[in-house]
Amino acid sequence: MRKTQANKKPLVAVVDDDTSMRETTQDLLESAGMHTATFASAEAFLQSNGVQRVACLVADIRMPGISGLELHERLVAAGRPIPTVLMTAYPEESVRARALKSGVVGFLPKPFTAEELLACIGSALGRRKK
């Protein structure tokens, strides 16, 4: 896990097994003034001690082990829902529908623009404040 220093900024967790995607996403979010923590797997995220502090979760759908969608659903089932943005290189309408039905804030097919990701995270953080 790679963390940055917190300055009362909302914490955005990035969960992706692709190192370059994870680091690129982290760099983008930090340049937009967000505090981030990154994880190479859903399992690593669930085992971290910072889950309660996460204001927004950005996760890849297809990962070894627990998928990003399964991670979101597990958090909801455990009573710890986190506003979630899912990203995928394999956009399937059935998965998108399932994700949105389960309360996912954003579903981004790769490639997506920085503006699209930031807009989804902004929406997720707005929901967190309510």
C-alpha atoms as a PDB file:
ATOM      1  CA  MET A   1       0.000   0.000   0.000  1.00  0.00           C
ATOM      2  CA  ARG A   2       1.223   3.470  -0.877  1.00  0.00           C
ATOM      3  CA  LYS A   3      -0.139   6.378   1.172  1.00  0.00           C
ATOM      4  CA  THR A   4       0.141  10.125   1.129  1.00  0.00           C
ATOM      5  CA  GLN A   5      -0.057  12.453   4.130  1.00  0.00           C
ATOM      6  CA  ALA A   6      -3.531  13.415   5.275  1.00  0.00           C
ATOM      7  CA  ASN A   7      -4.441  17.082   5.719  1.00  0.00           C
ATOM      8  CA  LYS A   8      -8.127  16.636   6.555  1.00  0.00           C
ATOM      9  CA  LYS A   9      -8.753  15.900   2.882  1.00  0.00           C
ATOM     10  CA  PRO A  10     -11.130  13.055   2.061  1.00  0.00           C
ATOM     11  CA  LEU A  11      -9.334   9.741   1.635  1.00  0.00           C
ATOM     12  CA  VAL A  12      -9.798   8.063  -1.747  1.00  0.00           C
ATOM     13  CA  ALA A  13      -8.720   4.419  -1.952  1.00  0.00           C
ATOM     14  CA  VAL A  14      -7.553   3.114  -5.325  1.00  0.00           C
ATOM     15  CA  VAL A  15      -7.727  -0.668  -5.721  1.00  0.00           C
ATOM     16  CA  ASP A  16      -6.253  -2.075  -8.941  1.00  0.00           C
ATOM     17  CA  ASP A  17      -3.962  -5.010  -9.645  1.00  0.00           C
ATOM     18  CA  ASP A  18      -2.347  -3.088 -12.529  1.00  0.00           C
ATOM     19  CA  THR A  19       0.540  -1.137 -10.981  1.00  0.00           C
ATOM     20  CA  SER A  20       0.750   1.499 -13.711  1.00  0.00           C
ATOM     21  CA  MET A  21      -3.008   2.174 -13.628  1.00  0.00           C
ATOM     22  CA  ARG A  22      -2.974   2.334  -9.823  1.00  0.00           C
ATOM     23  CA  GLU A  23      -0.048   4.784  -9.747  1.00  0.00           C
ATOM     24  CA  THR A  24      -1.375   6.907 -12.620  1.00  0.00           C
ATOM     25  CA  THR A  25      -4.751   7.184 -10.898  1.00  0.00           C
ATOM     26  CA  GLN A  26      -3.078   8.083  -7.618  1.00  0.00           C
ATOM     27  CA  ASP A  27      -0.976  10.770  -9.300  1.00  0.00           C
ATOM     28  CA  LEU A  28      -4.078  12.264 -10.939  1.00  0.00           C
ATOM     29  CA  LEU A  29      -6.030  12.340  -7.685  1.00  0.00           C
ATOM     30  CA  GLU A  30      -3.155  13.842  -5.737  1.00  0.00           C
ATOM     31  CA  SER A  31      -2.679  16.527  -8.391  1.00  0.00           C
ATOM     32  CA  ALA A  32      -6.389  17.329  -7.894  1.00  0.00           C
ATOM     33  CA  GLY A  33      -5.718  17.806  -4.169  1.00  0.00           C
ATOM     34  CA  MET A  34      -7.010  14.495  -2.828  1.00  0.00           C
ATOM     35  CA  HIS A  35      -5.486  12.253  -0.168  1.00  0.00           C
ATOM     36  CA  THR A  36      -5.023   8.693  -1.490  1.00  0.00           C
ATOM     37  CA  ALA A  37      -4.145   5.171  -0.446  1.00  0.00           C
ATOM     38  CA  THR A  38      -3.506   2.455  -3.011  1.00  0.00           C
ATOM     39  CA  PHE A  39      -3.945  -1.297  -2.866  1.00  0.00           C
ATOM     40  CA  ALA A  40      -2.964  -4.044  -5.301  1.00  0.00           C
ATOM     41  CA  SER A  41      -5.985  -6.187  -4.411  1.00  0.00           C
ATOM     42  CA  ALA A  42      -9.384  -6.089  -2.780  1.00  0.00           C
ATOM     43  CA  GLU A  43      -8.077  -8.454  -0.126  1.00  0.00           C
ATOM     44  CA  ALA A  44      -5.277  -6.009   0.784  1.00  0.00           C
ATOM     45  CA  PHE A  45      -7.832  -3.216   1.049  1.00  0.00           C
ATOM     46  CA  LEU A  46     -10.112  -5.256   3.312  1.00  0.00           C
ATOM     47  CA  GLN A  47      -7.173  -6.181   5.549  1.00  0.00           C
ATOM     48  CA  SER A  48      -6.042  -2.566   5.927  1.00  0.00           C
ATOM     49  CA  ASN A  49      -6.882  -0.666   9.073  1.00  0.00           C
ATOM     50  CA  GLY A  50      -8.055   2.413   7.202  1.00  0.00           C
ATOM     51  CA  VAL A  51     -11.289   1.141   5.633  1.00  0.00           C
ATOM     52  CA  GLN A  52     -13.427   3.236   8.001  1.00  0.00           C
ATOM     53  CA  ARG A  53     -11.643   6.452   6.943  1.00  0.00           C
ATOM     54  CA  VAL A  54     -12.178   5.959   3.200  1.00  0.00           C
ATOM     55  CA  ALA A  55     -14.568   8.521   1.720  1.00  0.00           C
ATOM     56  CA  CYS A  56     -14.512   7.097  -1.818  1.00  0.00           C
ATOM     57  CA  LEU A  57     -13.390   3.825  -3.345  1.00  0.00           C
ATOM     58  CA  VAL A  58     -12.077   3.599  -6.915  1.00  0.00           C
ATOM     59  CA  ALA A  59     -11.655  -0.025  -7.991  1.00  0.00           C
ATOM     60  CA  ASP A  60     -11.027  -2.075 -11.095  1.00  0.00           C
ATOM     61  CA  ILE A  61     -13.722  -4.629 -11.755  1.00  0.00           C
ATOM     62  CA  ARG A  62     -11.537  -7.474 -13.011  1.00  0.00           C
ATOM     63  CA  MET A  63      -8.873  -8.446 -10.509  1.00  0.00           C
ATOM     64  CA  PRO A  64      -7.599 -11.798  -9.275  1.00  0.00           C
ATOM     65  CA  GLY A  65      -9.533 -12.925  -6.210  1.00  0.00           C
ATOM     66  CA  ILE A  66     -12.249 -10.483  -5.207  1.00  0.00           C
ATOM     67  CA  SER A  67     -13.471  -8.247  -8.030  1.00  0.00           C
ATOM     68  CA  GLY A  68     -14.136  -4.540  -7.570  1.00  0.00           C
ATOM     69  CA  LEU A  69     -17.876  -5.130  -7.748  1.00  0.00           C
ATOM     70  CA  GLU A  70     -17.689  -7.952  -5.191  1.00  0.00           C
ATOM     71  CA  LEU A  71     -15.642  -5.664  -2.935  1.00  0.00           C
ATOM     72  CA  HIS A  72     -18.353  -2.996  -3.095  1.00  0.00           C
ATOM     73  CA  GLU A  73     -21.083  -5.568  -2.426  1.00  0.00           C
ATOM     74  CA  ARG A  74     -19.184  -7.017   0.551  1.00  0.00           C
ATOM     75  CA  LEU A  75     -18.763  -3.571   2.089  1.00  0.00           C
ATOM     76  CA  VAL A  76     -22.486  -2.859   1.673  1.00  0.00           C
ATOM     77  CA  ALA A  77     -23.428  -6.253   3.157  1.00  0.00           C
ATOM     78  CA  ALA A  78     -21.112  -5.610   6.122  1.00  0.00           C
ATOM     79  CA  GLY A  79     -22.861  -2.289   6.817  1.00  0.00           C
ATOM     80  CA  ARG A  80     -19.822  -0.248   5.706  1.00  0.00           C
ATOM     81  CA  PRO A  81     -20.907   1.129   2.343  1.00  0.00           C
ATOM     82  CA  ILE A  82     -18.344   3.377   0.675  1.00  0.00           C
ATOM     83  CA  PRO A  83     -19.311   5.461  -2.369  1.00  0.00           C
ATOM     84  CA  THR A  84     -17.668   3.502  -5.171  1.00  0.00           C
ATOM     85  CA  VAL A  85     -16.465   4.199  -8.697  1.00  0.00           C
ATOM     86  CA  LEU A  86     -15.722   1.106 -10.774  1.00  0.00           C
ATOM     87  CA  MET A  87     -13.503   1.078 -13.844  1.00  0.00           C
ATOM     88  CA  THR A  88     -13.133  -1.668 -16.412  1.00  0.00           C
ATOM     89  CA  ALA A  89     -11.517  -2.532 -19.704  1.00  0.00           C
ATOM     90  CA  TYR A  90     -14.354  -5.032 -20.250  1.00  0.00           C
ATOM     91  CA  PRO A  91     -17.609  -3.054 -20.094  1.00  0.00           C
ATOM     92  CA  GLU A  92     -20.522  -5.460 -20.067  1.00  0.00           C
ATOM     93  CA  GLU A  93     -24.055  -4.104 -19.779  1.00  0.00           C
ATOM     94  CA  SER A  94     -25.110  -6.847 -17.341  1.00  0.00           C
ATOM     95  CA  VAL A  95     -22.216  -5.987 -15.003  1.00  0.00           C
ATOM     96  CA  ARG A  96     -22.914  -2.263 -15.340  1.00  0.00           C
ATOM     97  CA  ALA A  97     -26.580  -2.818 -14.467  1.00  0.00           C
ATOM     98  CA  ARG A  98     -25.661  -4.975 -11.456  1.00  0.00           C
ATOM     99  CA  ALA A  99     -23.134  -2.368 -10.283  1.00  0.00           C
ATOM    100  CA  LEU A 100     -25.543   0.541 -10.535  1.00  0.00           C
ATOM    101  CA  LYS A 101     -28.318  -1.477  -8.860  1.00  0.00           C
ATOM    102  CA  SER A 102     -25.970  -2.210  -5.946  1.00  0.00           C
ATOM    103  CA  GLY A 103     -25.355   1.511  -5.439  1.00  0.00           C
ATOM    104  CA  VAL A 104     -22.109   2.109  -7.322  1.00  0.00           C
ATOM    105  CA  VAL A 105     -21.755   5.841  -8.061  1.00  0.00           C
ATOM    106  CA  GLY A 106     -19.814   5.530 -11.308  1.00  0.00           C
ATOM    107  CA  PHE A 107     -19.013   2.880 -13.912  1.00  0.00           C
ATOM    108  CA  LEU A 108     -16.181   3.947 -16.207  1.00  0.00           C
ATOM    109  CA  PRO A 109     -15.131   1.934 -19.256  1.00  0.00           C
ATOM    110  CA  LYS A 110     -11.412   2.237 -19.991  1.00  0.00           C
ATOM    111  CA  PRO A 111     -10.040   4.350 -21.451  1.00  0.00           C
ATOM    112  CA  PHE A 112     -11.688   7.266 -19.688  1.00  0.00           C
ATOM    113  CA  THR A 113     -10.629  10.868 -19.290  1.00  0.00           C
ATOM    114  CA  ALA A 114      -9.264  12.447 -16.149  1.00  0.00           C
ATOM    115  CA  GLU A 115     -12.318  14.716 -16.139  1.00  0.00           C
ATOM    116  CA  GLU A 116     -14.706  11.737 -16.202  1.00  0.00           C
ATOM    117  CA  LEU A 117     -12.962  10.091 -13.246  1.00  0.00           C
ATOM    118  CA  LEU A 118     -12.796  13.321 -11.248  1.00  0.00           C
ATOM    119  CA  ALA A 119     -16.496  13.988 -11.920  1.00  0.00           C
ATOM    120  CA  CYS A 120     -17.424  10.508 -10.643  1.00  0.00           C
ATOM    121  CA  ILE A 121     -15.280  10.947  -7.536  1.00  0.00           C
ATOM    122  CA  GLY A 122     -16.798  14.388  -6.945  1.00  0.00           C
ATOM    123  CA  SER A 123     -20.259  12.829  -7.096  1.00  0.00           C
ATOM    124  CA  ALA A 124     -19.175  10.059  -4.714  1.00  0.00           C
ATOM    125  CA  LEU A 125     -17.717  12.530  -2.224  1.00  0.00           C
ATOM    126  CA  GLY A 126     -20.908  14.578  -2.440  1.00  0.00           C
ATOM    127  CA  ARG A 127     -22.917  11.495  -1.476  1.00  0.00           C
ATOM    128  CA  ARG A 128     -20.591  10.782   1.424  1.00  0.00           C
ATOM    129  CA  LYS A 129     -21.323  14.185   2.968  1.00  0.00           C
ATOM    130  CA  LYS A 130     -25.090  13.556   3.037  1.00  0.00           C
END
